[in-house]
C-alpha atoms as a PDB file:
ATOM      1  CA  MET A   1      35.507 -27.863 155.994  1.00  0.00           C
ATOM      2  CA  THR A   2      37.662 -30.585 157.108  1.00  0.00           C
ATOM      3  CA  SER A   3      35.834 -32.171 160.061  1.00  0.00           C
ATOM      4  CA  PRO A   4      32.856 -34.318 160.022  1.00  0.00           C
ATOM      5  CA  LEU A   5      31.272 -32.138 162.691  1.00  0.00           C
ATOM      6  CA  LEU A   6      31.963 -28.921 160.716  1.00  0.00           C
ATOM      7  CA  THR A   7      30.533 -30.549 157.540  1.00  0.00           C
ATOM      8  CA  ALA A   8      27.449 -31.574 159.651  1.00  0.00           C
ATOM      9  CA  LEU A   9      26.756 -27.779 160.142  1.00  0.00           C
ATOM     10  CA  SER A  10      25.829 -27.596 156.508  1.00  0.00           C
ATOM     11  CA  THR A  11      24.435 -31.089 155.657  1.00  0.00           C
ATOM     12  CA  ARG A  12      22.545 -31.585 158.942  1.00  0.00           C
ATOM     13  CA  HIS A  13      21.841 -28.134 160.167  1.00  0.00           C
ATOM     14  CA  GLY A  14      21.532 -26.426 156.886  1.00  0.00           C
ATOM     15  CA  LEU A  15      23.823 -23.739 157.634  1.00  0.00           C
ATOM     16  CA  PRO A  16      25.285 -21.853 154.371  1.00  0.00           C
ATOM     17  CA  VAL A  17      29.007 -21.558 153.924  1.00  0.00           C
ATOM     18  CA  VAL A  18      29.774 -18.109 152.865  1.00  0.00           C
ATOM     19  CA  ASP A  19      32.842 -16.350 151.400  1.00  0.00           C
ATOM     20  CA  GLU A  20      33.821 -12.954 150.019  1.00  0.00           C
ATOM     21  CA  THR A  21      31.432 -13.227 147.092  1.00  0.00           C
ATOM     22  CA  THR A  22      28.467 -14.534 149.030  1.00  0.00           C
ATOM     23  CA  ILE A  23      28.729 -12.842 152.350  1.00  0.00           C
ATOM     24  CA  ASP A  24      26.815  -9.663 151.424  1.00  0.00           C
ATOM     25  CA  ALA A  25      23.987 -11.566 150.000  1.00  0.00           C
ATOM     26  CA  PHE A  26      23.595 -13.423 153.167  1.00  0.00           C
ATOM     27  CA  LEU A  27      23.774 -10.492 155.376  1.00  0.00           C
ATOM     28  CA  SER A  28      20.972  -8.831 153.527  1.00  0.00           C
ATOM     29  CA  PRO A  29      17.882 -10.525 154.846  1.00  0.00           C
ATOM     30  CA  ALA A  30      15.016 -11.632 152.654  1.00  0.00           C
ATOM     31  CA  ALA A  31      11.469 -10.624 153.601  1.00  0.00           C
ATOM     32  CA  GLY A  32      10.661 -12.211 156.826  1.00  0.00           C
ATOM     33  CA  GLU A  33      14.103 -13.174 157.723  1.00  0.00           C
ATOM     34  CA  ALA A  34      16.032 -12.066 160.846  1.00  0.00           C
ATOM     35  CA  GLU A  35      18.293  -9.126 160.359  1.00  0.00           C
ATOM     36  CA  HIS A  36      20.936 -10.549 162.746  1.00  0.00           C
ATOM     37  CA  THR A  37      23.424 -13.289 162.009  1.00  0.00           C
ATOM     38  CA  LEU A  38      25.826 -15.497 163.622  1.00  0.00           C
ATOM     39  CA  LEU A  39      28.945 -16.099 161.637  1.00  0.00           C
ATOM     40  CA  PHE A  40      31.355 -18.885 162.493  1.00  0.00           C
ATOM     41  CA  PHE A  41      35.020 -18.378 161.730  1.00  0.00           C
ATOM     42  CA  THR A  42      36.267 -21.863 162.460  1.00  0.00           C
ATOM     43  CA  GLY A  43      40.050 -21.631 162.027  1.00  0.00           C
ATOM     44  CA  ASP A  44      41.933 -24.909 161.387  1.00  0.00           C
ATOM     45  CA  PRO A  45      40.323 -27.582 163.709  1.00  0.00           C
ATOM     46  CA  ALA A  46      43.536 -29.622 163.568  1.00  0.00           C
ATOM     47  CA  GLN A  47      45.212 -26.703 165.233  1.00  0.00           C
ATOM     48  CA  ARG A  48      42.465 -25.247 167.332  1.00  0.00           C
ATOM     49  CA  ALA A  49      40.653 -27.764 169.564  1.00  0.00           C
ATOM     50  CA  GLU A  50      38.109 -25.356 170.512  1.00  0.00           C
ATOM     51  CA  THR A  51      36.603 -25.106 166.951  1.00  0.00           C
ATOM     52  CA  LEU A  52      34.854 -28.381 167.429  1.00  0.00           C
ATOM     53  CA  ASP A  53      33.453 -27.176 170.824  1.00  0.00           C
ATOM     54  CA  VAL A  54      31.955 -24.137 169.169  1.00  0.00           C
ATOM     55  CA  ALA A  55      30.694 -26.359 166.402  1.00  0.00           C
ATOM     56  CA  VAL A  56      28.621 -28.372 168.926  1.00  0.00           C
ATOM     57  CA  VAL A  57      27.105 -25.102 170.637  1.00  0.00           C
ATOM     58  CA  LEU A  58      26.430 -23.134 167.473  1.00  0.00           C
ATOM     59  CA  PRO A  59      23.145 -25.199 166.331  1.00  0.00           C
ATOM     60  CA  GLU A  60      21.997 -24.772 170.064  1.00  0.00           C
ATOM     61  CA  ILE A  61      22.593 -21.097 170.041  1.00  0.00           C
ATOM     62  CA  LEU A  62      20.535 -20.859 166.745  1.00  0.00           C
ATOM     63  CA  ALA A  63      17.901 -23.130 168.170  1.00  0.00           C
ATOM     64  CA  THR A  64      17.570 -20.821 171.354  1.00  0.00           C
ATOM     65  CA  PHE A  65      17.475 -17.625 169.210  1.00  0.00           C
ATOM     66  CA  GLN A  66      15.316 -19.105 166.441  1.00  0.00           C
ATOM     67  CA  HIS A  67      13.599 -16.529 164.261  1.00  0.00           C
ATOM     68  CA  ARG A  68      15.890 -13.701 165.720  1.00  0.00           C
ATOM     69  CA  LEU A  69      19.236 -15.093 164.366  1.00  0.00           C
ATOM     70  CA  ARG A  70      20.479 -16.693 161.078  1.00  0.00           C
ATOM     71  CA  GLY A  71      23.770 -18.635 160.989  1.00  0.00           C
ATOM     72  CA  ALA A  72      26.626 -19.358 158.448  1.00  0.00           C
ATOM     73  CA  VAL A  73      29.964 -20.845 158.333  1.00  0.00           C
ATOM     74  CA  VAL A  74      32.841 -18.658 156.892  1.00  0.00           C
ATOM     75  CA  ALA A  75      34.722 -20.640 154.330  1.00  0.00           C
ATOM     76  CA  ARG A  76      38.202 -21.220 155.450  1.00  0.00           C
ATOM     77  CA  ALA A  77      39.603 -19.780 152.419  1.00  0.00           C
ATOM     78  CA  ALA A  78      37.732 -16.672 153.061  1.00  0.00           C
ATOM     79  CA  GLU A  79      38.538 -16.203 156.714  1.00  0.00           C
ATOM     80  CA  ALA A  80      41.707 -14.058 156.374  1.00  0.00           C
ATOM     81  CA  THR A  81      40.012 -11.740 153.949  1.00  0.00           C
ATOM     82  CA  LEU A  82      36.742 -11.343 156.115  1.00  0.00           C
ATOM     83  CA  ALA A  83      38.451 -11.408 159.737  1.00  0.00           C
ATOM     84  CA  GLY A  84      39.169  -7.580 159.601  1.00  0.00           C
ATOM     85  CA  ARG A  85      35.683  -6.637 158.480  1.00  0.00           C
ATOM     86  CA  PHE A  86      34.053  -8.541 161.226  1.00  0.00           C
ATOM     87  CA  ARG A  87      36.694  -7.644 164.007  1.00  0.00           C
ATOM     88  CA  VAL A  88      38.045 -11.344 164.386  1.00  0.00           C
ATOM     89  CA  ALA A  89      41.198 -11.728 165.838  1.00  0.00           C
ATOM     90  CA  VAL A  90      41.150 -15.225 167.160  1.00  0.00           C
ATOM     91  CA  HIS A  91      39.980 -18.456 165.584  1.00  0.00           C
ATOM     92  CA  PRO A  92      37.472 -19.931 166.361  1.00  0.00           C
ATOM     93  CA  SER A  93      35.073 -16.976 166.789  1.00  0.00           C
ATOM     94  CA  LEU A  94      31.352 -16.290 166.460  1.00  0.00           C
ATOM     95  CA  VAL A  95      30.312 -13.001 165.379  1.00  0.00           C
ATOM     96  CA  VAL A  96      26.866 -11.376 165.734  1.00  0.00           C
ATOM     97  CA  THR A  97      25.955  -8.840 163.041  1.00  0.00           C
ATOM     98  CA  ARG A  98      23.098  -6.791 162.395  1.00  0.00           C
ATOM     99  CA  ARG A  99      22.868  -6.558 158.548  1.00  0.00           C
ATOM    100  CA  GLY A 100      26.522  -6.169 157.537  1.00  0.00           C
ATOM    101  CA  ASP A 101      27.436  -4.589 160.950  1.00  0.00           C
ATOM    102  CA  PRO A 102      29.453  -6.482 163.615  1.00  0.00           C
ATOM    103  CA  ILE A 103      27.761  -6.233 166.986  1.00  0.00           C
ATOM    104  CA  ALA A 104      29.664  -8.858 169.235  1.00  0.00           C
ATOM    105  CA  VAL A 105      32.583 -11.075 168.694  1.00  0.00           C
ATOM    106  CA  PHE A 106      33.038 -14.345 170.792  1.00  0.00           C
ATOM    107  CA  PRO A 107      36.654 -15.707 170.480  1.00  0.00           C
ATOM    108  CA  LYS A 108      37.097 -19.336 171.389  1.00  0.00           C
ATOM    109  CA  ILE A 109      34.461 -21.436 173.495  1.00  0.00           C
ATOM    110  CA  ARG A 110      32.474 -19.403 176.069  1.00  0.00           C
ATOM    111  CA  ASP A 111      30.341 -20.408 178.916  1.00  0.00           C
ATOM    112  CA  TRP A 112      26.733 -20.855 177.822  1.00  0.00           C
ATOM    113  CA  SER A 113      25.409 -18.126 180.047  1.00  0.00           C
ATOM    114  CA  GLU A 114      27.743 -15.783 178.378  1.00  0.00           C
ATOM    115  CA  TYR A 115      26.375 -16.666 175.037  1.00  0.00           C
ATOM    116  CA  MET A 116      22.962 -16.226 176.231  1.00  0.00           C
ATOM    117  CA  GLY A 117      23.335 -12.829 177.795  1.00  0.00           C
ATOM    118  CA  ARG A 118      25.480 -11.163 175.255  1.00  0.00           C
ATOM    119  CA  ILE A 119      23.868 -12.399 172.211  1.00  0.00           C
ATOM    120  CA  ASP A 120      20.351 -11.357 173.758  1.00  0.00           C
ATOM    121  CA  ALA A 121      22.061  -7.747 174.324  1.00  0.00           C
ATOM    122  CA  ALA A 122      23.460  -7.729 170.777  1.00  0.00           C
ATOM    123  CA  LEU A 123      19.970  -8.595 169.373  1.00  0.00           C
ATOM    124  CA  ALA A 124      18.545  -5.313 170.899  1.00  0.00           C
ATOM    125  CA  PRO A 125      17.618  -2.657 168.241  1.00  0.00           C
ATOM    126  CA  ASP A 126      19.849  -0.121 170.090  1.00  0.00           C
ATOM    127  CA  ALA A 127      22.812  -2.444 170.324  1.00  0.00           C
ATOM    128  CA  PRO A 128      25.976  -0.410 169.339  1.00  0.00           C
ATOM    129  CA  VAL A 129      28.103  -1.516 166.268  1.00  0.00           C
ATOM    130  CA  LEU A 130      31.720  -2.455 167.089  1.00  0.00           C
ATOM    131  CA  PRO A 131      34.019   0.303 166.237  1.00  0.00           C
ATOM    132  CA  ALA A 132      36.179   0.002 163.103  1.00  0.00           C
ATOM    133  CA  GLU A 133      39.337  -1.730 163.366  1.00  0.00           C
ATOM    134  CA  THR A 134      42.188   0.613 164.002  1.00  0.00           C
ATOM    135  CA  ARG A 135      45.993  -0.167 163.950  1.00  0.00           C
ATOM    136  CA  PRO A 136      48.115   0.600 166.885  1.00  0.00           C
ATOM    137  CA  ARG A 137      49.963   3.732 166.202  1.00  0.00           C
ATOM    138  CA  THR A 138      53.544   4.086 167.217  1.00  0.00           C
ATOM    139  CA  GLU A 139      55.585   7.194 167.094  1.00  0.00           C
ATOM    140  CA  PHE A 140      59.417   6.917 166.801  1.00  0.00           C
ATOM    141  CA  THR A 141      61.637   9.709 168.065  1.00  0.00           C
ATOM    142  CA  TYR A 142      65.252   9.695 167.523  1.00  0.00           C
ATOM    143  CA  THR A 143      67.884  11.269 169.596  1.00  0.00           C
ATOM    144  CA  THR A 144      71.472  11.798 168.530  1.00  0.00           C
ATOM    145  CA  ALA A 145      74.521  11.520 170.829  1.00  0.00           C
ATOM    146  CA  HIS A 146      76.819  14.429 170.644  1.00  0.00           C
ATOM    147  CA  GLY A 147      80.207  13.137 171.697  1.00  0.00           C
ATOM    148  CA  GLY A 148      83.234  15.238 172.201  1.00  0.00           C
ATOM    149  CA  GLU A 149      81.526  18.796 172.119  1.00  0.00           C
END
């Protein structure tokens, strides 16, 4: 983490930093822990001004959904590897998961009411899992020009 505000998420708010080797352990709740998590894909705060805005609201979101949602910051070095798994296309993003399954993705900064409504809906037991990432399919067809026939 390169920003004091991002560092404070761990030092002041106690959020773990997860990577490819620790993400699955974090997503598996211990007895009595919430099964839902909120993962923060920061991106580079020097290039993405909204990263620090999201860092400010993240502890407030976790406080609002206390005991229903656990939070973590995805290590910058692991973001590219984990982005596809959690349907992250834009940085910064917050991802709500149920165990290891992504339920909702919030790219960039959002209005507080949107966070509240959509996160509450994502915490419902019957909230659908986001569909697996699919790549666009393009079909190429070729025609040949027959000149002089």
